[in-house]
Structure formats: C-alpha cells, structure tokens
C-alpha cells in the first residue's frame, strides 16, 4: 500500500514538540560536554519532532 501524501496536510494530525537549550556549555540536558560541546564549540541546541499518521516519527536537532 502506497502512503497518501495528503496526510501531511491534515491539521488535526500535527503535534510537534519543540525544545531550546540556549546555553549548551554546562547544560545538564546535553551530557556529552567534553566529547561534543567543547570540541565543536556548540553554543545552543534547538530541536523539534513529532509523529506522523503512519506511526513514523521524525526529529530535527540543530546545533548552533
């Protein structure tokens, strides 16, 4: 069965979680401080995601 692309337009199906960590350095929400935040000079992190009607999930995480 081929998924119908119209499900992307269904407003009732949209529920996105959004988060922001404005200060990545020293944040307890980002555990890999020495291995990731410090070497790559990560300043903040933003992310969002949700579940699609076909029970697939998506997550976008942006490291600034």
PDB file of N, CA and C in Angstrom:
ATOM      1  N   UNK A   1       0.838  -1.182   0.000  1.00  0.00           N
ATOM      2  CA  UNK A   1       0.000   0.000   0.000  1.00  0.00           C
ATOM      3  C   UNK A   1       0.880   1.242   0.000  1.00  0.00           C
ATOM      4  N   UNK A   2       0.603   2.153  -0.892  1.00  0.00           N
ATOM      5  CA  UNK A   2       1.376   3.377  -1.026  1.00  0.00           C
ATOM      6  C   UNK A   2       0.763   4.476  -0.157  1.00  0.00           C
ATOM      7  N   UNK A   3       1.582   5.156   0.712  1.00  0.00           N
ATOM      8  CA  UNK A   3       1.016   6.203   1.568  1.00  0.00           C
ATOM      9  C   UNK A   3       0.479   7.378   0.752  1.00  0.00           C
ATOM     10  N   UNK A   4      -0.614   7.940   1.232  1.00  0.00           N
ATOM     11  CA  UNK A   4      -1.238   9.089   0.590  1.00  0.00           C
ATOM     12  C   UNK A   4      -0.541  10.360   1.074  1.00  0.00           C
ATOM     13  N   UNK A   5       0.066  11.180   0.177  1.00  0.00           N
ATOM     14  CA  UNK A   5       0.752  12.396   0.625  1.00  0.00           C
ATOM     15  C   UNK A   5      -0.174  13.438   1.223  1.00  0.00           C
ATOM     16  N   UNK A   6      -1.488  13.278   1.081  1.00  0.00           N
ATOM     17  CA  UNK A   6      -2.435  14.247   1.639  1.00  0.00           C
ATOM     18  C   UNK A   6      -2.421  14.250   3.166  1.00  0.00           C
ATOM     19  N   UNK A   7      -1.922  13.170   3.785  1.00  0.00           N
ATOM     20  CA  UNK A   7      -1.907  13.136   5.240  1.00  0.00           C
ATOM     21  C   UNK A   7      -1.011  14.229   5.815  1.00  0.00           C
ATOM     22  N   UNK A   8      -0.055  14.728   5.050  1.00  0.00           N
ATOM     23  CA  UNK A   8       0.809  15.812   5.524  1.00  0.00           C
ATOM     24  C   UNK A   8       0.047  17.119   5.703  1.00  0.00           C
ATOM     25  N   UNK A   9      -1.077  17.251   5.042  1.00  0.00           N
ATOM     26  CA  UNK A   9      -1.850  18.483   5.095  1.00  0.00           C
ATOM     27  C   UNK A   9      -2.952  18.452   6.145  1.00  0.00           C
ATOM     28  N   UNK A  10      -3.133  17.317   6.799  1.00  0.00           N
ATOM     29  CA  UNK A  10      -4.191  17.177   7.787  1.00  0.00           C
ATOM     30  C   UNK A  10      -3.793  17.897   9.074  1.00  0.00           C
ATOM     31  N   UNK A  11      -4.422  19.026   9.352  1.00  0.00           N
ATOM     32  CA  UNK A  11      -4.088  19.856  10.506  1.00  0.00           C
ATOM     33  C   UNK A  11      -4.260  19.096  11.819  1.00  0.00           C
ATOM     34  N   UNK A  12      -5.259  18.223  11.904  1.00  0.00           N
ATOM     35  CA  UNK A  12      -5.528  17.513  13.150  1.00  0.00           C
ATOM     36  C   UNK A  12      -4.402  16.562  13.519  1.00  0.00           C
ATOM     37  N   UNK A  13      -3.609  16.144  12.575  1.00  0.00           N
ATOM     38  CA  UNK A  13      -2.541  15.189  12.826  1.00  0.00           C
ATOM     39  C   UNK A  13      -1.238  15.855  13.271  1.00  0.00           C
ATOM     40  N   UNK A  14      -1.158  17.178  13.276  1.00  0.00           N
ATOM     41  CA  UNK A  14       0.100  17.863  13.586  1.00  0.00           C
ATOM     42  C   UNK A  14       0.230  18.121  15.084  1.00  0.00           C
ATOM     43  N   UNK A  15       1.269  17.591  15.649  1.00  0.00           N
ATOM     44  CA  UNK A  15       1.595  17.831  17.048  1.00  0.00           C
ATOM     45  C   UNK A  15       3.111  17.747  17.162  1.00  0.00           C
ATOM     46  N   UNK A  16       3.774  18.891  17.293  1.00  0.00           N
ATOM     47  CA  UNK A  16       5.228  18.932  17.298  1.00  0.00           C
ATOM     48  C   UNK A  16       5.747  19.364  18.661  1.00  0.00           C
ATOM     49  N   UNK A  17       6.723  18.644  19.162  1.00  0.00           N
ATOM     50  CA  UNK A  17       7.401  19.044  20.384  1.00  0.00           C
ATOM     51  C   UNK A  17       8.602  19.895  20.004  1.00  0.00           C
ATOM     52  N   UNK A  18       8.794  21.000  20.670  1.00  0.00           N
ATOM     53  CA  UNK A  18       9.906  21.900  20.381  1.00  0.00           C
ATOM     54  C   UNK A  18      10.693  22.119  21.669  1.00  0.00           C
ATOM     55  N   UNK A  19      12.022  22.132  21.553  1.00  0.00           N
ATOM     56  CA  UNK A  19      12.826  22.457  22.723  1.00  0.00           C
ATOM     57  C   UNK A  19      13.976  23.367  22.328  1.00  0.00           C
ATOM     58  N   UNK A  20      14.473  24.102  23.299  1.00  0.00           N
ATOM     59  CA  UNK A  20      15.604  25.004  23.101  1.00  0.00           C
ATOM     60  C   UNK A  20      16.488  24.945  24.331  1.00  0.00           C
ATOM     61  N   UNK A  21      17.766  24.735  24.104  1.00  0.00           N
ATOM     62  CA  UNK A  21      18.770  24.831  25.165  1.00  0.00           C
ATOM     63  C   UNK A  21      19.634  26.030  24.775  1.00  0.00           C
ATOM     64  N   UNK A  22      19.355  27.213  25.330  1.00  0.00           N
ATOM     65  CA  UNK A  22      20.049  28.427  24.889  1.00  0.00           C
ATOM     66  C   UNK A  22      21.535  28.456  25.236  1.00  0.00           C
ATOM     67  N   UNK A  23      21.930  27.788  26.309  1.00  0.00           N
ATOM     68  CA  UNK A  23      23.334  27.757  26.729  1.00  0.00           C
ATOM     69  C   UNK A  23      23.768  26.299  26.822  1.00  0.00           C
ATOM     70  N   UNK A  24      24.412  25.784  25.776  1.00  0.00           N
ATOM     71  CA  UNK A  24      24.780  24.368  25.741  1.00  0.00           C
ATOM     72  C   UNK A  24      25.903  24.042  26.714  1.00  0.00           C
ATOM     73  N   UNK A  25      26.875  24.918  26.839  1.00  0.00           N
ATOM     74  CA  UNK A  25      28.016  24.665  27.703  1.00  0.00           C
ATOM     75  C   UNK A  25      27.561  24.610  29.165  1.00  0.00           C
ATOM     76  N   UNK A  26      27.799  23.471  29.793  1.00  0.00           N
ATOM     77  CA  UNK A  26      27.415  23.284  31.189  1.00  0.00           C
ATOM     78  C   UNK A  26      25.984  22.847  31.405  1.00  0.00           C
ATOM     79  N   UNK A  27      25.207  22.690  30.351  1.00  0.00           N
ATOM     80  CA  UNK A  27      23.806  22.300  30.494  1.00  0.00           C
ATOM     81  C   UNK A  27      23.681  20.819  30.868  1.00  0.00           C
ATOM     82  N   UNK A  28      22.853  20.505  31.867  1.00  0.00           N
ATOM     83  CA  UNK A  28      22.640  19.097  32.218  1.00  0.00           C
ATOM     84  C   UNK A  28      21.837  18.343  31.151  1.00  0.00           C
ATOM     85  N   UNK A  29      21.218  19.054  30.218  1.00  0.00           N
ATOM     86  CA  UNK A  29      20.428  18.423  29.155  1.00  0.00           C
ATOM     87  C   UNK A  29      21.289  17.902  28.013  1.00  0.00           C
ATOM     88  N   UNK A  30      22.564  18.305  27.985  1.00  0.00           N
ATOM     89  CA  UNK A  30      23.490  17.829  26.955  1.00  0.00           C
ATOM     90  C   UNK A  30      24.664  17.170  27.678  1.00  0.00           C
ATOM     91  N   UNK A  31      24.605  15.845  27.850  1.00  0.00           N
ATOM     92  CA  UNK A  31      25.610  15.167  28.672  1.00  0.00           C
ATOM     93  C   UNK A  31      27.010  15.091  28.064  1.00  0.00           C
ATOM     94  N   UNK A  32      27.151  15.142  26.763  1.00  0.00           N
ATOM     95  CA  UNK A  32      28.456  14.970  26.122  1.00  0.00           C
ATOM     96  C   UNK A  32      29.209  16.301  26.043  1.00  0.00           C
ATOM     97  N   UNK A  33      29.485  16.885  27.183  1.00  0.00           N
ATOM     98  CA  UNK A  33      30.147  18.190  27.222  1.00  0.00           C
ATOM     99  C   UNK A  33      31.575  18.109  26.674  1.00  0.00           C
ATOM    100  N   UNK A  34      32.415  17.260  27.252  1.00  0.00           N
ATOM    101  CA  UNK A  34      33.829  17.173  26.846  1.00  0.00           C
ATOM    102  C   UNK A  34      34.004  16.592  25.451  1.00  0.00           C
ATOM    103  N   UNK A  35      33.120  15.663  25.084  1.00  0.00           N
ATOM    104  CA  UNK A  35      33.264  14.954  23.813  1.00  0.00           C
ATOM    105  C   UNK A  35      32.621  15.674  22.636  1.00  0.00           C
ATOM    106  N   UNK A  36      31.662  16.580  22.900  1.00  0.00           N
ATOM    107  CA  UNK A  36      30.899  17.179  21.801  1.00  0.00           C
ATOM    108  C   UNK A  36      30.787  18.698  21.891  1.00  0.00           C
ATOM    109  N   UNK A  37      30.272  19.191  23.009  1.00  0.00           N
ATOM    110  CA  UNK A  37      30.017  20.630  23.145  1.00  0.00           C
ATOM    111  C   UNK A  37      31.308  21.430  23.082  1.00  0.00           C
ATOM    112  N   UNK A  38      32.306  21.042  23.856  1.00  0.00           N
ATOM    113  CA  UNK A  38      33.556  21.804  23.913  1.00  0.00           C
ATOM    114  C   UNK A  38      34.343  21.725  22.606  1.00  0.00           C
ATOM    115  N   UNK A  39      34.625  20.522  22.061  1.00  0.00           N
ATOM    116  CA  UNK A  39      35.438  20.472  20.838  1.00  0.00           C
ATOM    117  C   UNK A  39      34.790  21.157  19.628  1.00  0.00           C
ATOM    118  N   UNK A  40      33.475  21.079  19.519  1.00  0.00           N
ATOM    119  CA  UNK A  40      32.790  21.662  18.364  1.00  0.00           C
ATOM    120  C   UNK A  40      32.223  23.053  18.647  1.00  0.00           C
ATOM    121  N   UNK A  41      32.508  23.582  19.834  1.00  0.00           N
ATOM    122  CA  UNK A  41      32.095  24.925  20.238  1.00  0.00           C
ATOM    123  C   UNK A  41      30.592  25.148  20.062  1.00  0.00           C
ATOM    124  N   UNK A  42      29.805  24.173  20.520  1.00  0.00           N
ATOM    125  CA  UNK A  42      28.350  24.257  20.430  1.00  0.00           C
ATOM    126  C   UNK A  42      27.866  25.321  21.414  1.00  0.00           C
ATOM    127  N   UNK A  43      27.117  26.280  20.934  1.00  0.00           N
ATOM    128  CA  UNK A  43      26.610  27.368  21.777  1.00  0.00           C
ATOM    129  C   UNK A  43      25.199  27.099  22.285  1.00  0.00           C
ATOM    130  N   UNK A  44      24.329  26.597  21.415  1.00  0.00           N
ATOM    131  CA  UNK A  44      22.954  26.305  21.804  1.00  0.00           C
ATOM    132  C   UNK A  44      22.414  25.178  20.932  1.00  0.00           C
ATOM    133  N   UNK A  45      21.296  24.616  21.376  1.00  0.00           N
ATOM    134  CA  UNK A  45      20.690  23.488  20.667  1.00  0.00           C
ATOM    135  C   UNK A  45      19.189  23.727  20.576  1.00  0.00           C
ATOM    136  N   UNK A  46      18.652  23.480  19.394  1.00  0.00           N
ATOM    137  CA  UNK A  46      17.213  23.594  19.187  1.00  0.00           C
ATOM    138  C   UNK A  46      16.744  22.335  18.487  1.00  0.00           C
ATOM    139  N   UNK A  47      15.557  21.877  18.836  1.00  0.00           N
ATOM    140  CA  UNK A  47      15.043  20.680  18.201  1.00  0.00           C
ATOM    141  C   UNK A  47      13.527  20.650  18.181  1.00  0.00           C
ATOM    142  N   UNK A  48      13.008  19.857  17.274  1.00  0.00           N
ATOM    143  CA  UNK A  48      11.568  19.632  17.199  1.00  0.00           C
ATOM    144  C   UNK A  48      11.323  18.290  16.533  1.00  0.00           C
ATOM    145  N   UNK A  49      10.137  17.779  16.734  1.00  0.00           N
ATOM    146  CA  UNK A  49       9.798  16.498  16.143  1.00  0.00           C
ATOM    147  C   UNK A  49       8.349  16.162  16.412  1.00  0.00           C
ATOM    148  N   UNK A  50       7.953  15.025  15.937  1.00  0.00           N
ATOM    149  CA  UNK A  50       6.579  14.601  16.129  1.00  0.00           C
ATOM    150  C   UNK A  50       6.336  13.245  15.513  1.00  0.00           C
ATOM    151  N   UNK A  51       5.097  12.849  15.543  1.00  0.00           N
ATOM    152  CA  UNK A  51       4.711  11.562  14.978  1.00  0.00           C
ATOM    153  C   UNK A  51       3.802  11.799  13.781  1.00  0.00           C
ATOM    154  N   UNK A  52       4.096  11.094  12.723  1.00  0.00           N
ATOM    155  CA  UNK A  52       3.280  11.164  11.524  1.00  0.00           C
ATOM    156  C   UNK A  52       2.152  10.134  11.616  1.00  0.00           C
ATOM    157  N   UNK A  53       1.090  10.315  10.857  1.00  0.00           N
ATOM    158  CA  UNK A  53      -0.063   9.401  10.947  1.00  0.00           C
ATOM    159  C   UNK A  53       0.267   7.931  10.684  1.00  0.00           C
ATOM    160  N   UNK A  54       1.311   7.656   9.916  1.00  0.00           N
ATOM    161  CA  UNK A  54       1.671   6.257   9.628  1.00  0.00           C
ATOM    162  C   UNK A  54       2.503   5.662  10.771  1.00  0.00           C
ATOM    163  N   UNK A  55       2.522   6.341  11.927  1.00  0.00           N
ATOM    164  CA  UNK A  55       3.249   5.952  13.131  1.00  0.00           C
ATOM    165  C   UNK A  55       4.767   6.029  12.967  1.00  0.00           C
ATOM    166  N   UNK A  56       5.215   6.788  11.985  1.00  0.00           N
ATOM    167  CA  UNK A  56       6.631   7.098  11.856  1.00  0.00           C
ATOM    168  C   UNK A  56       6.905   8.357  12.665  1.00  0.00           C
ATOM    169  N   UNK A  57       8.098   8.456  13.230  1.00  0.00           N
ATOM    170  CA  UNK A  57       8.446   9.672  13.965  1.00  0.00           C
ATOM    171  C   UNK A  57       9.565  10.402  13.226  1.00  0.00           C
ATOM    172  N   UNK A  58       9.651  11.690  13.471  1.00  0.00           N
ATOM    173  CA  UNK A  58      10.757  12.456  12.914  1.00  0.00           C
ATOM    174  C   UNK A  58      11.275  13.398  13.991  1.00  0.00           C
ATOM    175  N   UNK A  59      12.570  13.667  13.931  1.00  0.00           N
ATOM    176  CA  UNK A  59      13.227  14.549  14.877  1.00  0.00           C
ATOM    177  C   UNK A  59      14.269  15.352  14.129  1.00  0.00           C
ATOM    178  N   UNK A  60      14.268  16.662  14.342  1.00  0.00           N
ATOM    179  CA  UNK A  60      15.285  17.543  13.776  1.00  0.00           C
ATOM    180  C   UNK A  60      15.993  18.205  14.949  1.00  0.00           C
ATOM    181  N   UNK A  61      17.315  18.063  15.012  1.00  0.00           N
ATOM    182  CA  UNK A  61      18.091  18.698  16.071  1.00  0.00           C
ATOM    183  C   UNK A  61      19.131  19.586  15.401  1.00  0.00           C
ATOM    184  N   UNK A  62      19.173  20.841  15.826  1.00  0.00           N
ATOM    185  CA  UNK A  62      20.084  21.818  15.233  1.00  0.00           C
ATOM    186  C   UNK A  62      21.070  22.263  16.311  1.00  0.00           C
ATOM    187  N   UNK A  63      22.349  22.075  16.027  1.00  0.00           N
ATOM    188  CA  UNK A  63      23.399  22.513  16.927  1.00  0.00           C
ATOM    189  C   UNK A  63      23.990  23.797  16.368  1.00  0.00           C
ATOM    190  N   UNK A  64      23.967  24.857  17.169  1.00  0.00           N
ATOM    191  CA  UNK A  64      24.468  26.143  16.714  1.00  0.00           C
ATOM    192  C   UNK A  64      25.780  26.463  17.397  1.00  0.00           C
TER     193      UNK A  64
END
